[in-house]
Amino acid sequence: MGFIFYNSSNNGNISNERSYNILDNLRKEYRQIKENKIVSKNVNSNVQIKTQKDQVKSVYMNPTENREEKLNLIIRKNAHAFEYFILAILVSGVLFEFNVKGAKALIYIMFVCLFYAVTDEFHQMFVPGRSSLVSDVLIDFLGSLIGIFIFYLSYYLVHKIKLRQKGSLILFK
């Protein structure tokens, strides 16, 4: 929760700069992979390699501003969802550790995640350069629902495997 609060406390420029840095790193990695594929396909033809590299650079180094903004938005929204994905897994783990399971745990986990998403968006209203959007609350909550699903799926798969192992040990005794 502290990590989410810290990220929400950053003003819009800092937050935007971070997501653009991620976008730049992804673009560099993509470009490097693309160039490596081109080089490995055309080892003998230096002229062909150079023209293909130039084509890759022109397409991927200078994307239009609109495209870059869309990619930045996708990164920002996925970061929101991922934060709440992790939050849901952590809250689930804590509740399961205290033996709160089943529907009761689901309600608590969803409440904590939704409540924190709403308060986080409320907090962002007071941070310069940030906005508060209902769509962000929904994205955050969707991230937590995916986190809950993954946690429950992995928990019950591990639980089922343990039961099978205990059952198989009893059969062999």
Protein backbone atom coordinates (compact mmCIF):
# COMPACT_ATOMS: atom_id res chain seq x y z
CA MET A 1 0.00 0.00 0.00
CA GLY A 2 2.91 2.30 0.73
CA PHE A 3 4.32 1.70 -2.75
CA ILE A 4 0.97 2.58 -4.34
CA PHE A 5 0.68 5.71 -2.16
CA TYR A 6 4.24 6.73 -3.08
CA ASN A 7 3.54 6.34 -6.80
CA SER A 8 0.31 8.31 -6.46
CA SER A 9 2.13 11.09 -4.61
CA ASN A 10 4.42 11.81 -7.55
CA ASN A 11 3.28 14.78 -9.55
CA GLY A 12 2.11 14.27 -13.11
CA ASN A 13 5.43 15.21 -14.71
CA ILE A 14 7.48 12.74 -12.66
CA SER A 15 4.93 9.98 -13.17
CA ASN A 16 4.78 10.68 -16.89
CA GLU A 17 8.57 10.77 -17.15
CA ARG A 18 8.80 7.34 -15.49
CA SER A 19 6.35 5.74 -17.88
CA TYR A 20 8.09 7.34 -20.89
CA ASN A 21 11.41 5.93 -19.60
CA ILE A 22 9.84 2.47 -19.55
CA LEU A 23 8.53 3.07 -23.06
CA ASP A 24 11.99 4.13 -24.24
CA ASN A 25 13.59 1.04 -22.69
CA LEU A 26 11.02 -1.21 -24.34
CA ARG A 27 11.57 0.52 -27.67
CA LYS A 28 15.37 0.09 -27.39
CA GLU A 29 15.01 -3.61 -26.56
CA TYR A 30 12.55 -4.14 -29.40
CA ARG A 31 14.82 -2.32 -31.83
CA GLN A 32 17.82 -4.37 -30.72
CA ILE A 33 15.94 -7.64 -31.14
CA LYS A 34 14.66 -6.54 -34.53
CA GLU A 35 18.14 -5.51 -35.71
CA ASN A 36 19.68 -8.76 -34.45
CA LYS A 37 17.14 -10.76 -36.44
CA ILE A 38 17.89 -8.75 -39.56
CA VAL A 39 21.66 -9.11 -39.12
CA SER A 40 21.45 -12.86 -38.53
CA LYS A 41 19.30 -13.37 -41.64
CA ASN A 42 21.61 -11.38 -43.92
CA VAL A 43 25.17 -12.02 -42.76
CA ASN A 44 26.65 -11.91 -46.28
CA SER A 45 24.90 -8.84 -47.64
CA ASN A 46 26.15 -5.67 -45.90
CA VAL A 47 24.19 -3.33 -48.17
CA GLN A 48 20.94 -5.16 -47.53
CA ILE A 49 21.60 -5.14 -43.77
CA LYS A 50 22.22 -1.40 -43.79
CA THR A 51 19.02 -0.58 -45.67
CA GLN A 52 16.95 -2.84 -43.45
CA LYS A 53 18.49 -1.29 -40.32
CA ASP A 54 17.64 2.16 -41.65
CA GLN A 55 14.06 1.03 -42.25
CA VAL A 56 13.82 -0.31 -38.70
CA LYS A 57 15.24 2.92 -37.28
CA SER A 58 12.85 5.10 -39.26
CA VAL A 59 9.86 3.09 -38.11
CA TYR A 60 10.75 2.49 -34.45
CA MET A 61 12.99 5.36 -33.40
CA ASN A 62 10.65 8.16 -34.40
CA PRO A 63 7.10 7.05 -33.73
CA THR A 64 4.41 9.62 -34.14
CA GLU A 65 3.51 11.55 -31.04
CA ASN A 66 0.01 10.12 -31.03
CA ARG A 67 1.30 6.56 -31.10
CA GLU A 68 3.77 7.32 -28.31
CA GLU A 69 1.03 8.82 -26.16
CA LYS A 70 -1.15 5.74 -26.67
CA LEU A 71 1.71 3.42 -25.72
CA ASN A 72 2.43 5.57 -22.67
CA LEU A 73 -1.22 5.36 -21.65
CA ILE A 74 -1.16 1.57 -22.00
CA ILE A 75 1.95 1.36 -19.82
CA ARG A 76 0.42 3.63 -17.16
CA LYS A 77 -2.86 1.71 -17.01
CA ASN A 78 -1.07 -1.64 -16.89
CA ALA A 79 1.10 -0.32 -14.06
CA HIS A 80 -2.07 0.62 -12.17
CA ALA A 81 -3.53 -2.84 -12.68
CA PHE A 82 -0.25 -4.54 -11.75
CA GLU A 83 0.02 -2.63 -8.46
CA TYR A 84 -3.42 -3.82 -7.44
CA PHE A 85 -2.72 -7.33 -8.76
CA ILE A 86 0.17 -7.50 -6.26
CA LEU A 87 -1.93 -5.89 -3.51
CA ALA A 88 -4.66 -8.51 -3.92
CA ILE A 89 -2.14 -11.36 -3.75
CA LEU A 90 -0.56 -9.91 -0.60
CA VAL A 91 -3.91 -9.30 1.12
CA SER A 92 -5.01 -12.82 0.15
CA GLY A 93 -1.84 -14.28 1.62
CA VAL A 94 -2.31 -12.40 4.88
CA LEU A 95 -5.94 -13.47 5.23
CA PHE A 96 -5.13 -17.09 4.41
CA GLU A 97 -2.32 -16.98 6.97
CA PHE A 98 -4.92 -15.98 9.57
CA ASN A 99 -7.15 -18.80 8.32
CA VAL A 100 -9.75 -16.50 6.74
CA LYS A 101 -10.76 -18.36 3.60
CA GLY A 102 -13.63 -18.86 1.19
CA ALA A 103 -16.34 -16.30 0.47
CA LYS A 104 -15.53 -14.31 3.59
CA ALA A 105 -11.93 -13.84 2.45
CA LEU A 106 -13.05 -12.92 -1.08
CA ILE A 107 -15.31 -10.19 0.26
CA TYR A 108 -12.57 -8.79 2.50
CA ILE A 109 -9.96 -8.86 -0.25
CA MET A 110 -12.24 -7.18 -2.79
CA PHE A 111 -13.32 -4.59 -0.23
CA VAL A 112 -9.74 -3.72 0.76
CA CYS A 113 -8.62 -3.44 -2.86
CA LEU A 114 -11.64 -1.44 -4.01
CA PHE A 115 -11.53 0.84 -0.97
CA TYR A 116 -7.84 1.51 -1.49
CA ALA A 117 -8.38 2.14 -5.21
CA VAL A 118 -11.07 4.72 -4.42
CA THR A 119 -8.97 6.43 -1.74
CA ASP A 120 -5.95 6.38 -4.05
CA GLU A 121 -7.90 8.18 -6.77
CA PHE A 122 -9.21 10.65 -4.17
CA HIS A 123 -5.63 11.27 -3.07
CA GLN A 124 -4.57 11.91 -6.68
CA MET A 125 -7.06 14.80 -6.89
CA PHE A 126 -4.73 16.77 -4.62
CA VAL A 127 -1.48 15.93 -6.42
CA PRO A 128 -0.38 18.52 -9.02
CA GLY A 129 -0.61 17.25 -12.59
CA ARG A 130 -2.63 14.17 -11.63
CA SER A 131 -6.29 13.45 -12.22
CA SER A 132 -8.85 11.28 -10.54
CA LEU A 133 -10.78 8.96 -12.86
CA VAL A 134 -13.44 6.36 -12.24
CA SER A 135 -11.91 4.32 -15.07
CA ASP A 136 -8.69 4.10 -13.04
CA VAL A 137 -10.63 2.67 -10.09
CA LEU A 138 -12.13 0.07 -12.42
CA ILE A 139 -8.70 -0.78 -13.87
CA ASP A 140 -7.26 -1.08 -10.35
CA PHE A 141 -10.13 -3.30 -9.27
CA LEU A 142 -9.77 -5.46 -12.38
CA GLY A 143 -6.08 -5.90 -11.53
CA SER A 144 -7.04 -7.02 -8.04
CA LEU A 145 -9.65 -9.45 -9.37
CA ILE A 146 -7.00 -11.03 -11.60
CA GLY A 147 -4.66 -11.18 -8.59
CA ILE A 148 -7.33 -12.88 -6.49
CA PHE A 149 -8.00 -15.38 -9.26
CA ILE A 150 -4.30 -16.20 -9.67
CA PHE A 151 -3.84 -16.52 -5.90
CA TYR A 152 -6.84 -18.81 -5.45
CA LEU A 153 -5.92 -20.88 -8.48
CA SER A 154 -2.34 -21.40 -7.32
CA TYR A 155 -3.37 -21.95 -3.69
CA TYR A 156 -5.91 -24.62 -4.50
CA LEU A 157 -3.68 -26.32 -7.07
CA VAL A 158 -0.90 -26.57 -4.47
CA HIS A 159 -3.43 -27.71 -1.86
CA LYS A 160 -4.79 -30.35 -4.23
CA ILE A 161 -1.26 -31.61 -5.02
CA LYS A 162 -0.48 -31.86 -1.30
CA LEU A 163 -3.66 -33.85 -0.72
CA ARG A 164 -2.79 -36.22 -3.56
CA GLN A 165 0.70 -36.70 -2.18
CA LYS A 166 -0.67 -37.48 1.28
CA GLY A 167 -3.18 -39.86 -0.26
CA SER A 168 -0.53 -41.63 -2.32
CA LEU A 169 1.71 -42.01 0.72
CA ILE A 170 -1.12 -43.66 2.62
CA LEU A 171 -1.74 -46.06 -0.26
CA PHE A 172 1.86 -47.23 -0.25
CA LYS A 173 2.14 -47.82 3.52
